[in-house]
Amino acid sequence: MERYDLVVIGAGISGLSLAYCAARKGMSTLVLEKNGAVGGAFHSHRIPDDGGDFWLELGAHTCYNSYRNLIALIEGCGMTGRLTRREKVPFRVLRNATVQSIPSQLNYLELLVSVPKIFVTKKAGLSVSDYYKRIVGKQNFERVFAHAFNSVLSQNTTDFPADMLFKKRQRRKDILKSFTLEGGLQSICATVAGMPGLQTVTGVAIEQVQASGNDFQIVTEDGNAYAARAAALATPAPVAADLLKGLLPDVAARLSGIELRAVESIGVVVEKEKPSLDPLAGLIATDEAFFSVVSRDTVPHPRYRGFTFHFQPGRLDREAKLARIAGVLGVTHGEIAQVAEKENAIPALRVGHEETVRAVDSMIAGKGLLLTGNYFAGVAIEDCVSRSFAEFQRLEAQH
């Protein structure tokens, strides 16, 4: 049986940022991923017959210069020269099948009365609904801001913890304020996966994680097993719960209570002159079967435009989705040059979630089991990387 210093289950940005830390420290590291490619929610679709020059994000799509840990990873991988500026184009609101500006939807009198409350209202312990209704007004929240927040997370965010949605972070002024990378964000994961000292295996489903003396034993569904001094689970919370139910049932019970929300994403590529929409960053949907549309107009291309529609699960079948996409873009079905599909899952966190995190962290303290993902400090890219960096520091302190 092969033995490693660390085995990481899950090759999204959470798992790979943890593996990055281990490989940089000279630890023998194995990453196991059930899907056929690394990246998870970092999924950059490339047009096969265009040399990969045009890409379209089907998951996460934007990084900021406040993402200091992610930037440190990018720098450590020698990828700083691949940072690409996102052009300033506006977000719009799609209401009653009509594209409208965000300012045109606001009640400014209500906003003027409510905004000063931001200085005395704390986010801690409040849901998105409770907090933002106070500082933008009930009408503005229900008409505009609720839909905008739903667009960010591709789920109903009414009960989501307000302090986990947006965070104030220190910025790196030497880095582009808003950026992506040449070839898309998935290139970060691909680069980390290819690091010296780090072995990545895709298409491997895990059956269980067991204790074996002082080691962990990771058993795959095809009957293989790997031994590791430390094991890291970088999977959605319910998946981690299932893998740990025999090893740490108390941890599994806590994790199983974290719900997931599916997002059915369809990306389309069209010739640049075909859509009727002016250049935009995206559309906030208010009365549609999708939460949002994210556009590739932020990184202009001489030939193509790309749009990713994040649909609510189970609302429309594939043909109905494509028909609605064509209608929004003002194109015919035949004018859609490429279609790509991806389903992601996002945790539906609730007020009081920090107590679950504290309990889980207490249960795994002093153990060689590491847990990371987008269900600890928040769902932003930086939250995932920061959690992984912190978990590796905990591992180092134990050894």
Protein backbone atom coordinates (compact mmCIF):
# COMPACT_ATOMS: atom_id res chain seq x y z
CA MET A 1 0.00 0.00 0.00
CA GLU A 2 1.35 3.40 -0.99
CA ARG A 3 1.91 5.79 1.92
CA TYR A 4 1.93 9.58 1.82
CA ASP A 5 2.45 12.37 4.28
CA LEU A 6 -0.90 13.81 3.22
CA VAL A 7 -3.80 12.58 1.12
CA VAL A 8 -6.32 15.22 0.04
CA ILE A 9 -9.78 14.19 -1.11
CA GLY A 10 -11.15 16.77 -3.54
CA ALA A 11 -9.30 18.77 -6.20
CA GLY A 12 -11.21 22.04 -6.10
CA ILE A 13 -9.51 25.25 -5.02
CA SER A 14 -9.88 24.25 -1.35
CA GLY A 15 -8.20 20.87 -1.71
CA LEU A 16 -5.50 22.08 -4.06
CA SER A 17 -4.58 25.12 -1.97
CA LEU A 18 -4.06 22.77 0.97
CA ALA A 19 -2.04 20.40 -1.20
CA TYR A 20 -0.02 23.41 -2.42
CA CYS A 21 1.02 24.19 1.15
CA ALA A 22 2.06 20.60 1.81
CA ALA A 23 4.02 20.19 -1.43
CA ARG A 24 5.87 23.48 -0.81
CA LYS A 25 7.01 22.08 2.53
CA GLY A 26 8.34 18.91 0.93
CA MET A 27 5.56 16.61 2.10
CA SER A 28 4.64 13.71 -0.17
CA THR A 29 1.12 14.63 -1.17
CA LEU A 30 -1.62 12.82 -3.09
CA VAL A 31 -4.82 14.48 -4.29
CA LEU A 32 -7.77 12.27 -5.25
CA GLU A 33 -10.65 13.68 -7.31
CA LYS A 34 -13.82 11.84 -8.33
CA ASN A 35 -14.40 13.94 -11.45
CA GLY A 36 -12.40 13.70 -14.63
CA ALA A 37 -10.68 17.08 -14.18
CA VAL A 38 -9.46 19.26 -11.34
CA GLY A 39 -11.07 22.56 -10.44
CA GLY A 40 -14.47 21.89 -8.89
CA ALA A 41 -16.31 25.22 -9.04
CA PHE A 42 -13.33 26.55 -11.03
CA HIS A 43 -14.53 25.33 -14.42
CA SER A 44 -13.27 27.20 -17.49
CA HIS A 45 -14.81 25.87 -20.69
CA ARG A 46 -12.64 26.30 -23.79
CA ILE A 47 -13.87 26.15 -27.37
CA PRO A 48 -12.30 22.95 -28.78
CA ASP A 49 -11.89 24.20 -32.37
CA ASP A 50 -10.49 27.61 -31.45
CA GLY A 51 -7.16 26.59 -29.94
CA GLY A 52 -8.44 27.27 -26.44
CA ASP A 53 -8.16 31.01 -27.07
CA PHE A 54 -11.73 31.65 -25.92
CA TRP A 55 -12.84 30.38 -22.54
CA LEU A 56 -15.98 30.76 -20.48
CA GLU A 57 -16.43 30.33 -16.74
CA LEU A 58 -19.15 27.92 -15.61
CA GLY A 59 -18.56 28.51 -11.90
CA ALA A 60 -16.49 31.08 -10.03
CA HIS A 61 -15.52 33.95 -12.30
CA THR A 62 -13.90 36.88 -10.46
CA CYS A 63 -10.94 37.47 -8.15
CA TYR A 64 -10.05 40.67 -6.30
CA ASN A 65 -6.87 42.22 -4.95
CA SER A 66 -8.27 41.68 -1.45
CA TYR A 67 -7.83 37.93 -1.92
CA ARG A 68 -4.41 37.99 -0.35
CA ASN A 69 -4.02 34.26 0.29
CA LEU A 70 -5.15 33.37 -3.22
CA ILE A 71 -2.70 35.93 -4.59
CA ALA A 72 0.08 34.37 -2.48
CA LEU A 73 -0.74 31.01 -4.06
CA ILE A 74 -0.74 32.53 -7.55
CA GLU A 75 2.62 34.15 -6.86
CA GLY A 76 4.02 30.91 -5.45
CA CYS A 77 3.02 29.14 -8.66
CA GLY A 78 4.72 31.79 -10.81
CA MET A 79 1.41 32.81 -12.41
CA THR A 80 1.39 36.53 -11.66
CA GLY A 81 2.19 37.34 -15.29
CA ARG A 82 -1.04 35.63 -16.33
CA LEU A 83 -3.32 37.97 -14.40
CA THR A 84 -5.86 39.53 -16.73
CA ARG A 85 -7.79 42.72 -16.07
CA ARG A 86 -11.58 42.59 -16.07
CA GLU A 87 -13.00 45.48 -18.04
CA LYS A 88 -15.53 47.80 -16.39
CA VAL A 89 -18.90 47.02 -17.89
CA PRO A 90 -22.14 47.33 -15.90
CA PHE A 91 -24.40 44.82 -14.26
CA ARG A 92 -28.03 45.15 -15.27
CA VAL A 93 -31.39 43.98 -13.95
CA LEU A 94 -33.63 41.70 -16.02
CA ARG A 95 -37.23 42.44 -15.04
CA ASN A 96 -40.32 41.53 -17.07
CA ALA A 97 -38.02 40.33 -19.88
CA THR A 98 -36.55 43.85 -20.11
CA VAL A 99 -32.96 44.82 -19.35
CA GLN A 100 -32.83 47.81 -17.02
CA SER A 101 -30.16 49.69 -15.10
CA ILE A 102 -29.78 49.03 -11.37
CA PRO A 103 -30.17 52.73 -10.37
CA SER A 104 -33.51 52.89 -12.19
CA GLN A 105 -34.90 50.23 -9.85
CA LEU A 106 -34.08 51.97 -6.56
CA ASN A 107 -36.24 54.08 -4.27
CA TYR A 108 -33.77 56.83 -3.39
CA LEU A 109 -35.85 58.40 -0.64
CA GLU A 110 -36.00 55.06 1.18
CA LEU A 111 -32.28 54.61 0.59
CA LEU A 112 -31.50 58.08 1.99
CA VAL A 113 -33.45 57.33 5.16
CA SER A 114 -32.07 53.81 5.67
CA VAL A 115 -28.36 53.97 4.74
CA PRO A 116 -27.21 55.89 7.87
CA LYS A 117 -28.21 52.81 9.89
CA ILE A 118 -25.15 51.07 8.48
CA PHE A 119 -23.06 52.84 11.12
CA VAL A 120 -25.02 51.39 14.06
CA THR A 121 -26.20 48.03 12.70
CA LYS A 122 -23.89 45.05 13.15
CA LYS A 123 -23.99 42.08 10.79
CA ALA A 124 -23.20 39.47 13.43
CA GLY A 125 -26.22 37.32 14.27
CA LEU A 126 -28.36 38.76 11.48
CA SER A 127 -29.51 37.16 8.26
CA VAL A 128 -29.05 38.85 4.92
CA SER A 129 -32.72 39.82 4.97
CA ASP A 130 -32.69 41.23 8.50
CA TYR A 131 -29.51 43.24 7.98
CA TYR A 132 -30.02 44.68 4.52
CA LYS A 133 -33.67 45.57 5.00
CA ARG A 134 -32.49 47.87 7.77
CA ILE A 135 -29.80 49.64 5.77
CA VAL A 136 -31.37 49.87 2.28
CA GLY A 137 -35.04 49.74 3.19
CA LYS A 138 -37.59 46.96 2.79
CA GLN A 139 -38.77 48.01 -0.67
CA ASN A 140 -35.25 48.37 -2.06
CA PHE A 141 -34.26 45.04 -0.56
CA GLU A 142 -37.21 43.12 -1.96
CA ARG A 143 -37.12 44.83 -5.37
CA VAL A 144 -33.37 44.91 -6.04
CA PHE A 145 -30.93 43.79 -3.36
CA ALA A 146 -32.48 40.40 -2.57
CA HIS A 147 -32.24 39.45 -6.24
CA ALA A 148 -28.68 40.77 -6.45
CA PHE A 149 -27.58 38.67 -3.47
CA ASN A 150 -29.39 35.62 -4.88
CA SER A 151 -27.42 36.18 -8.09
CA VAL A 152 -24.12 36.18 -6.19
CA LEU A 153 -24.73 32.81 -4.51
CA SER A 154 -27.22 31.28 -6.96
CA GLN A 155 -29.65 30.50 -4.17
CA ASN A 156 -32.22 32.25 -2.01
CA THR A 157 -30.05 34.19 0.44
CA THR A 158 -32.81 35.50 2.71
CA ASP A 159 -31.62 33.40 5.68
CA PHE A 160 -27.91 33.39 4.79
CA PRO A 161 -25.65 34.91 7.51
CA ALA A 162 -25.03 38.57 6.63
CA ASP A 163 -21.45 38.50 7.91
CA MET A 164 -20.58 35.60 5.59
CA LEU A 165 -21.77 37.20 2.37
CA PHE A 166 -19.39 40.15 1.98
CA LYS A 167 -16.27 40.81 4.04
CA LYS A 168 -13.96 43.76 4.31
CA ARG A 169 -10.43 42.62 3.47
CA GLN A 170 -7.12 44.40 3.14
CA ARG A 171 -6.23 45.03 -0.50
CA ARG A 172 -2.98 44.44 -2.38
CA LYS A 173 -2.57 47.74 -4.22
CA ASP A 174 0.14 46.28 -6.47
CA ILE A 175 -2.41 43.82 -7.91
CA LEU A 176 -5.27 44.50 -10.31
CA LYS A 177 -8.41 45.36 -8.33
CA SER A 178 -10.54 42.85 -10.24
CA PHE A 179 -8.94 40.09 -12.29
CA THR A 180 -9.06 36.66 -13.81
CA LEU A 181 -6.28 34.64 -15.47
CA GLU A 182 -5.39 33.85 -19.05
CA GLY A 183 -7.31 30.71 -19.93
CA GLY A 184 -9.67 31.14 -16.98
CA LEU A 185 -9.56 30.42 -13.26
CA GLN A 186 -9.30 26.67 -13.73
CA SER A 187 -5.71 27.25 -14.85
CA ILE A 188 -4.84 27.97 -11.20
CA CYS A 189 -5.99 24.51 -10.16
CA ALA A 190 -4.31 22.86 -13.14
CA THR A 191 -0.99 24.53 -12.29
CA VAL A 192 -1.13 23.52 -8.63
CA ALA A 193 -2.07 19.95 -9.58
CA GLY A 194 1.10 19.73 -11.66
CA MET A 195 3.48 20.90 -8.91
CA PRO A 196 6.60 18.81 -8.19
CA GLY A 197 6.04 16.53 -5.24
CA LEU A 198 2.28 16.58 -5.69
CA GLN A 199 0.49 13.66 -7.32
CA THR A 200 -3.05 14.21 -8.59
CA VAL A 201 -5.33 11.39 -9.67
CA THR A 202 -8.74 12.13 -11.21
CA GLY A 203 -11.71 9.83 -11.79
CA VAL A 204 -11.30 8.24 -8.36
CA ALA A 205 -14.32 7.95 -6.06
CA ILE A 206 -13.68 7.44 -2.34
CA GLU A 207 -15.64 4.86 -0.40
CA GLN A 208 -14.47 5.56 3.14
CA VAL A 209 -11.77 6.99 5.39
CA GLN A 210 -10.54 4.68 8.15
CA ALA A 211 -8.05 4.76 11.00
CA SER A 212 -5.14 2.35 10.66
CA GLY A 213 -2.81 2.56 13.66
CA ASN A 214 -1.31 6.04 13.57
CA ASP A 215 -2.23 6.44 9.91
CA PHE A 216 -5.37 7.07 7.93
CA GLN A 217 -6.44 4.65 5.25
CA ILE A 218 -8.34 6.02 2.27
CA VAL A 219 -10.29 3.31 0.44
CA THR A 220 -11.55 3.91 -3.09
CA GLU A 221 -14.66 2.43 -4.67
CA ASP A 222 -12.52 0.38 -7.06
CA GLY A 223 -10.82 -1.35 -4.13
CA ASN A 224 -7.53 0.55 -3.93
CA ALA A 225 -6.27 1.92 -0.62
CA TYR A 226 -3.79 4.61 0.35
CA ALA A 227 -2.14 5.20 3.71
CA ALA A 228 -1.43 8.70 4.97
CA ARG A 229 -0.01 10.33 8.05
CA ALA A 230 -2.66 13.01 7.62
CA ALA A 231 -5.87 13.13 5.59
CA ALA A 232 -7.78 16.14 4.33
CA LEU A 233 -11.38 16.22 3.16
CA ALA A 234 -12.03 19.07 0.73
CA THR A 235 -15.48 17.95 -0.34
CA PRO A 236 -19.00 19.32 0.18
CA ALA A 237 -20.10 18.92 3.79
CA PRO A 238 -22.60 16.06 3.19
CA VAL A 239 -19.94 14.11 1.28
CA ALA A 240 -17.45 14.60 4.11
CA ALA A 241 -20.13 13.49 6.57
CA ASP A 242 -20.71 10.27 4.65
CA LEU A 243 -16.99 9.49 4.51
CA LEU A 244 -16.51 10.14 8.23
CA LYS A 245 -19.58 8.41 9.65
CA GLY A 246 -17.58 5.33 10.65
CA LEU A 247 -14.46 7.18 11.81
CA LEU A 248 -15.85 10.26 13.55
CA PRO A 249 -19.62 9.93 13.89
CA ASP A 250 -20.01 13.12 15.94
CA VAL A 251 -18.26 15.16 13.26
CA ALA A 252 -20.31 13.43 10.58
CA ALA A 253 -23.54 14.27 12.40
CA ARG A 254 -22.63 17.96 12.50
CA LEU A 255 -21.60 18.09 8.85
CA SER A 256 -24.68 16.24 7.65
CA GLY A 257 -26.81 19.13 8.90
CA ILE A 258 -25.28 21.54 6.36
CA GLU A 259 -27.55 21.65 3.34
CA LEU A 260 -26.48 22.08 -0.27
CA ARG A 261 -28.19 23.97 -3.05
CA ALA A 262 -27.69 22.75 -6.61
CA VAL A 263 -27.01 25.21 -9.42
CA GLU A 264 -27.58 24.14 -13.02
CA SER A 265 -25.30 26.25 -15.18
CA ILE A 266 -25.33 26.49 -18.96
CA GLY A 267 -22.70 28.48 -20.83
CA VAL A 268 -23.20 29.53 -24.43
CA VAL A 269 -20.82 31.03 -26.96
CA VAL A 270 -22.06 33.19 -29.84
CA GLU A 271 -20.46 35.20 -32.61
CA LYS A 272 -19.73 38.69 -31.32
CA GLU A 273 -22.24 40.55 -33.50
CA LYS A 274 -25.21 38.20 -32.85
CA PRO A 275 -26.58 39.15 -29.38
CA SER A 276 -28.82 42.18 -29.04
CA LEU A 277 -27.45 42.96 -25.57
CA ASP A 278 -24.99 45.81 -25.09
CA PRO A 279 -21.72 44.79 -23.36
CA LEU A 280 -22.34 43.99 -19.70
CA ALA A 281 -20.85 42.16 -16.74
CA GLY A 282 -24.03 40.24 -16.06
CA LEU A 283 -27.75 40.25 -15.49
CA ILE A 284 -29.54 40.05 -12.14
CA ALA A 285 -32.75 38.09 -12.72
CA THR A 286 -35.88 39.04 -10.77
CA ASP A 287 -38.63 36.87 -12.24
CA GLU A 288 -36.87 34.15 -14.19
CA ALA A 289 -36.05 30.45 -13.84
CA PHE A 290 -32.40 31.44 -13.49
CA PHE A 291 -30.66 33.45 -10.78
CA SER A 292 -28.24 35.33 -12.97
CA VAL A 293 -26.33 35.62 -16.21
CA VAL A 294 -22.55 36.13 -16.10
CA SER A 295 -20.95 37.56 -19.22
CA ARG A 296 -17.46 37.16 -20.73
CA ASP A 297 -17.68 40.82 -21.88
CA THR A 298 -15.40 41.64 -18.95
CA VAL A 299 -12.58 40.08 -20.98
CA PRO A 300 -13.42 41.11 -24.57
CA HIS A 301 -12.63 38.78 -27.47
CA PRO A 302 -12.38 39.80 -31.14
CA ARG A 303 -14.72 37.06 -32.35
CA TYR A 304 -16.92 35.70 -29.57
CA ARG A 305 -19.12 36.64 -26.65
CA GLY A 306 -19.98 34.19 -23.90
CA PHE A 307 -22.77 34.02 -21.33
CA THR A 308 -23.30 31.65 -18.42
CA PHE A 309 -26.86 31.23 -17.12
CA HIS A 310 -27.15 29.92 -13.55
CA PHE A 311 -30.53 28.18 -13.42
CA GLN A 312 -32.61 27.26 -10.42
CA PRO A 313 -32.61 23.46 -10.12
CA GLY A 314 -35.48 21.48 -11.59
CA ARG A 315 -37.33 24.44 -13.08
CA LEU A 316 -36.73 23.85 -16.80
CA ASP A 317 -35.54 20.99 -18.98
CA ARG A 318 -32.55 21.46 -21.25
CA GLU A 319 -34.47 22.52 -24.34
CA ALA A 320 -36.52 25.03 -22.37
CA LYS A 321 -33.34 26.45 -20.89
CA LEU A 322 -31.75 26.90 -24.30
CA ALA A 323 -34.92 28.50 -25.63
CA ARG A 324 -34.94 31.01 -22.77
CA ILE A 325 -31.23 31.71 -23.26
CA ALA A 326 -31.81 32.45 -26.93
CA GLY A 327 -34.69 34.75 -26.02
CA VAL A 328 -32.68 36.75 -23.49
CA LEU A 329 -29.73 37.13 -25.86
CA GLY A 330 -31.88 37.93 -28.87
CA VAL A 331 -30.43 35.12 -30.99
CA THR A 332 -31.80 32.05 -32.69
CA HIS A 333 -31.05 28.57 -31.44
CA GLY A 334 -28.88 27.99 -34.51
CA GLU A 335 -26.76 31.05 -33.75
CA ILE A 336 -25.47 29.50 -30.53
CA ALA A 337 -22.03 28.24 -31.52
CA GLN A 338 -21.17 26.27 -28.37
CA VAL A 339 -23.04 24.97 -25.33
CA ALA A 340 -21.38 23.80 -22.11
CA GLU A 341 -23.08 22.53 -18.96
CA LYS A 342 -22.00 22.16 -15.34
CA GLU A 343 -23.79 21.47 -12.07
CA ASN A 344 -22.30 22.94 -8.91
CA ALA A 345 -23.42 22.72 -5.29
CA ILE A 346 -23.26 25.61 -2.84
CA PRO A 347 -23.86 25.32 0.91
CA ALA A 348 -27.02 26.95 2.23
CA LEU A 349 -25.60 28.42 5.43
CA ARG A 350 -27.86 29.84 8.13
CA VAL A 351 -27.50 32.24 11.06
CA GLY A 352 -25.74 30.39 13.88
CA HIS A 353 -23.53 28.42 11.50
CA GLU A 354 -20.42 29.61 13.35
CA GLU A 355 -21.45 27.40 16.28
CA THR A 356 -21.35 24.37 14.00
CA VAL A 357 -17.87 25.38 12.80
CA ARG A 358 -16.62 25.82 16.37
CA ALA A 359 -18.00 22.42 17.34
CA VAL A 360 -16.42 20.67 14.34
CA ASP A 361 -13.07 22.38 14.88
CA SER A 362 -13.12 21.32 18.53
CA MET A 363 -13.81 17.70 17.56
CA ILE A 364 -10.91 17.49 15.09
CA ALA A 365 -8.41 19.46 17.21
CA GLY A 366 -5.21 17.51 17.76
CA LYS A 367 -6.05 15.03 15.02
CA GLY A 368 -4.37 14.52 11.68
CA LEU A 369 -7.72 14.93 9.97
CA LEU A 370 -8.11 18.24 8.12
CA LEU A 371 -11.40 19.69 6.89
CA THR A 372 -11.69 22.48 4.38
CA GLY A 373 -14.16 23.85 1.87
CA ASN A 374 -16.65 26.62 1.28
CA TYR A 375 -18.77 25.86 4.33
CA PHE A 376 -16.53 27.20 7.09
CA ALA A 377 -15.90 30.97 6.93
CA GLY A 378 -17.89 31.69 3.77
CA VAL A 379 -18.27 30.73 0.14
CA ALA A 380 -15.91 33.26 -1.46
CA ILE A 381 -12.76 31.98 -3.16
CA GLU A 382 -10.60 33.67 -0.53
CA ASP A 383 -12.59 32.05 2.29
CA CYS A 384 -11.80 28.63 0.83
CA VAL A 385 -8.08 29.29 0.41
CA SER A 386 -7.80 30.91 3.84
CA ARG A 387 -9.43 27.91 5.50
CA SER A 388 -7.00 25.56 3.74
CA PHE A 389 -3.99 27.63 4.73
CA ALA A 390 -5.18 27.66 8.35
CA GLU A 391 -5.74 23.90 8.37
CA PHE A 392 -2.22 23.31 7.08
CA GLN A 393 -0.81 25.58 9.79
CA ARG A 394 -2.70 23.47 12.35
CA LEU A 395 -1.16 20.32 10.87
CA GLU A 396 2.33 21.82 11.07
CA ALA A 397 1.80 22.85 14.69
CA GLN A 398 0.81 19.27 15.58
CA HIS A 399 3.99 17.84 14.05
